[in-house]
C-alpha atoms as a PDB file:
ATOM      1  CA  MET A   1     113.708 128.303 133.687  1.00  0.00           C
ATOM      2  CA  ASN A   2     113.352 127.093 130.112  1.00  0.00           C
ATOM      3  CA  THR A   3     114.938 129.894 128.072  1.00  0.00           C
ATOM      4  CA  THR A   4     113.768 128.761 124.641  1.00  0.00           C
ATOM      5  CA  ALA A   5     111.563 131.380 123.039  1.00  0.00           C
ATOM      6  CA  VAL A   6     109.300 132.003 120.078  1.00  0.00           C
ATOM      7  CA  ILE A   7     108.386 135.413 118.692  1.00  0.00           C
ATOM      8  CA  TYR A   8     104.846 136.165 117.549  1.00  0.00           C
ATOM      9  CA  ALA A   9     104.245 139.478 115.772  1.00  0.00           C
ATOM     10  CA  ARG A  10     100.985 140.730 114.306  1.00  0.00           C
ATOM     11  CA  VAL A  11      99.893 143.891 112.550  1.00  0.00           C
ATOM     12  CA  SER A  12      96.329 144.734 111.613  1.00  0.00           C
ATOM     13  CA  SER A  13      96.850 146.093 108.119  1.00  0.00           C
ATOM     14  CA  VAL A  14      97.046 143.429 105.432  1.00  0.00           C
ATOM     15  CA  GLY A  15      98.446 145.887 102.871  1.00  0.00           C
ATOM     16  CA  ASP A  16     101.884 147.457 102.713  1.00  0.00           C
ATOM     17  CA  ARG A  17     101.009 150.198 105.204  1.00  0.00           C
ATOM     18  CA  GLN A  18     102.251 148.224 108.229  1.00  0.00           C
ATOM     19  CA  ASN A  19     104.785 145.457 108.804  1.00  0.00           C
ATOM     20  CA  ASN A  20     106.026 143.371 111.696  1.00  0.00           C
ATOM     21  CA  GLU A  21     109.634 144.508 111.410  1.00  0.00           C
ATOM     22  CA  ARG A  22     109.761 146.818 114.452  1.00  0.00           C
ATOM     23  CA  GLN A  23     108.036 144.298 116.725  1.00  0.00           C
ATOM     24  CA  ILE A  24     110.381 141.520 115.638  1.00  0.00           C
ATOM     25  CA  GLU A  25     113.541 143.608 116.014  1.00  0.00           C
ATOM     26  CA  ASP A  26     112.522 144.813 119.476  1.00  0.00           C
ATOM     27  CA  LEU A  27     111.724 141.257 120.586  1.00  0.00           C
ATOM     28  CA  LYS A  28     115.014 139.934 119.176  1.00  0.00           C
ATOM     29  CA  ILE A  29     116.867 142.578 121.203  1.00  0.00           C
ATOM     30  CA  LEU A  30     114.940 141.553 124.324  1.00  0.00           C
ATOM     31  CA  GLY A  31     115.693 137.884 123.670  1.00  0.00           C
ATOM     32  CA  GLU A  32     119.380 138.585 123.206  1.00  0.00           C
ATOM     33  CA  ARG A  33     119.540 140.700 126.369  1.00  0.00           C
ATOM     34  CA  GLU A  34     117.838 137.949 128.393  1.00  0.00           C
ATOM     35  CA  ASN A  35     119.900 135.143 126.783  1.00  0.00           C
ATOM     36  CA  TYR A  36     116.835 133.443 125.288  1.00  0.00           C
ATOM     37  CA  THR A  37     117.284 130.986 122.466  1.00  0.00           C
ATOM     38  CA  ILE A  38     114.779 132.091 119.830  1.00  0.00           C
ATOM     39  CA  GLN A  39     113.613 128.982 118.005  1.00  0.00           C
ATOM     40  CA  LYS A  40     111.120 130.459 115.590  1.00  0.00           C
ATOM     41  CA  ILE A  41     109.456 133.691 114.488  1.00  0.00           C
ATOM     42  CA  TYR A  42     105.802 133.859 113.491  1.00  0.00           C
ATOM     43  CA  GLU A  43     104.423 136.839 111.583  1.00  0.00           C
ATOM     44  CA  GLU A  44     100.789 137.541 110.893  1.00  0.00           C
ATOM     45  CA  LYS A  45      99.047 140.333 108.990  1.00  0.00           C
ATOM     46  CA  ILE A  46      95.393 140.149 109.900  1.00  0.00           C
ATOM     47  CA  SER A  47      92.731 142.531 111.105  1.00  0.00           C
ATOM     48  CA  GLY A  48      92.541 143.087 114.841  1.00  0.00           C
ATOM     49  CA  ALA A  49      88.790 142.506 114.527  1.00  0.00           C
ATOM     50  CA  LYS A  50      89.310 138.826 113.627  1.00  0.00           C
ATOM     51  CA  ARG A  51      88.540 136.280 116.305  1.00  0.00           C
ATOM     52  CA  ASN A  52      91.260 133.905 117.462  1.00  0.00           C
ATOM     53  CA  THR A  53      89.634 131.069 115.516  1.00  0.00           C
ATOM     54  CA  GLU A  54      90.335 133.123 112.374  1.00  0.00           C
ATOM     55  CA  ARG A  55      94.033 133.604 113.135  1.00  0.00           C
ATOM     56  CA  PRO A  56      95.836 130.591 111.642  1.00  0.00           C
ATOM     57  CA  VAL A  57      99.359 131.836 112.361  1.00  0.00           C
ATOM     58  CA  LEU A  58      98.576 132.448 116.034  1.00  0.00           C
ATOM     59  CA  ALA A  59      97.132 128.929 116.305  1.00  0.00           C
ATOM     60  CA  GLU A  60     100.197 127.464 114.571  1.00  0.00           C
ATOM     61  CA  CYS A  61     102.496 129.439 116.874  1.00  0.00           C
ATOM     62  CA  LEU A  62     100.771 128.250 120.045  1.00  0.00           C
ATOM     63  CA  ASP A  63     100.653 124.644 118.790  1.00  0.00           C
ATOM     64  CA  TYR A  64     104.390 124.779 118.091  1.00  0.00           C
ATOM     65  CA  CYS A  65     105.156 126.248 121.512  1.00  0.00           C
ATOM     66  CA  PHE A  66     103.134 123.543 123.272  1.00  0.00           C
ATOM     67  CA  SER A  67     104.393 120.614 121.190  1.00  0.00           C
ATOM     68  CA  GLU A  68     108.052 121.693 121.353  1.00  0.00           C
ATOM     69  CA  ASN A  69     107.954 122.627 125.052  1.00  0.00           C
ATOM     70  CA  VAL A  70     108.979 126.225 124.378  1.00  0.00           C
ATOM     71  CA  GLY A  71     109.481 128.194 127.570  1.00  0.00           C
ATOM     72  CA  ILE A  72     108.668 131.749 126.502  1.00  0.00           C
ATOM     73  CA  LEU A  73     106.351 133.395 123.988  1.00  0.00           C
ATOM     74  CA  LEU A  74     107.575 136.882 123.137  1.00  0.00           C
ATOM     75  CA  ILE A  75     104.939 139.386 122.018  1.00  0.00           C
ATOM     76  CA  SER A  76     105.079 143.162 121.837  1.00  0.00           C
ATOM     77  CA  GLU A  77     101.821 143.633 123.752  1.00  0.00           C
ATOM     78  CA  LEU A  78      98.947 141.543 125.091  1.00  0.00           C
ATOM     79  CA  SER A  79      96.608 142.708 122.327  1.00  0.00           C
ATOM     80  CA  ARG A  80      98.592 140.497 119.939  1.00  0.00           C
ATOM     81  CA  LEU A  81      96.918 137.490 121.638  1.00  0.00           C
ATOM     82  CA  GLY A  82      93.313 138.358 120.906  1.00  0.00           C
ATOM     83  CA  ARG A  83      90.691 140.756 119.684  1.00  0.00           C
ATOM     84  CA  ASN A  84      89.106 141.440 123.070  1.00  0.00           C
ATOM     85  CA  VAL A  85      89.758 140.926 126.769  1.00  0.00           C
ATOM     86  CA  ASP A  86      88.050 137.521 126.824  1.00  0.00           C
ATOM     87  CA  GLU A  87      90.134 136.124 123.962  1.00  0.00           C
ATOM     88  CA  VAL A  88      93.364 137.538 125.384  1.00  0.00           C
ATOM     89  CA  LEU A  89      92.573 136.092 128.813  1.00  0.00           C
ATOM     90  CA  LYS A  90      91.703 132.716 127.283  1.00  0.00           C
ATOM     91  CA  ASN A  91      95.084 132.558 125.532  1.00  0.00           C
ATOM     92  CA  VAL A  92      96.987 133.766 128.589  1.00  0.00           C
ATOM     93  CA  MET A  93      95.279 131.110 130.734  1.00  0.00           C
ATOM     94  CA  LEU A  94      95.992 128.435 128.106  1.00  0.00           C
ATOM     95  CA  CYS A  95      99.665 129.421 128.098  1.00  0.00           C
ATOM     96  CA  LYS A  96      99.749 129.395 131.895  1.00  0.00           C
ATOM     97  CA  GLU A  97      98.206 125.901 132.022  1.00  0.00           C
ATOM     98  CA  ARG A  98     100.774 124.652 129.483  1.00  0.00           C
ATOM     99  CA  LYS A  99     103.649 126.374 131.367  1.00  0.00           C
ATOM    100  CA  LEU A 100     104.411 128.771 128.524  1.00  0.00           C
ATOM    101  CA  ASN A 101     105.520 132.144 129.872  1.00  0.00           C
ATOM    102  CA  VAL A 102     104.219 135.159 127.950  1.00  0.00           C
END
């Protein structure tokens, strides 16, 4: 298995009320425990109501994973990948087709 990994963290509040710190730290711990090589960390502060086409950091993250043949995308929960079930499923299927484990 390709053990290279990328972390993607998103919070909904664009102000100072929320940050990605807890998600990132938890995912770093997971990566260390599983001996993943974390290549990059992507952080996004954007409303959960935004469609995937309005999430530039998510698009950049997925493009990087596909172009660099990353093996694993680490997220804290599936809702990080989309605003609704259809968008989440679309991204999960895209990752599956491109052999990127989520």
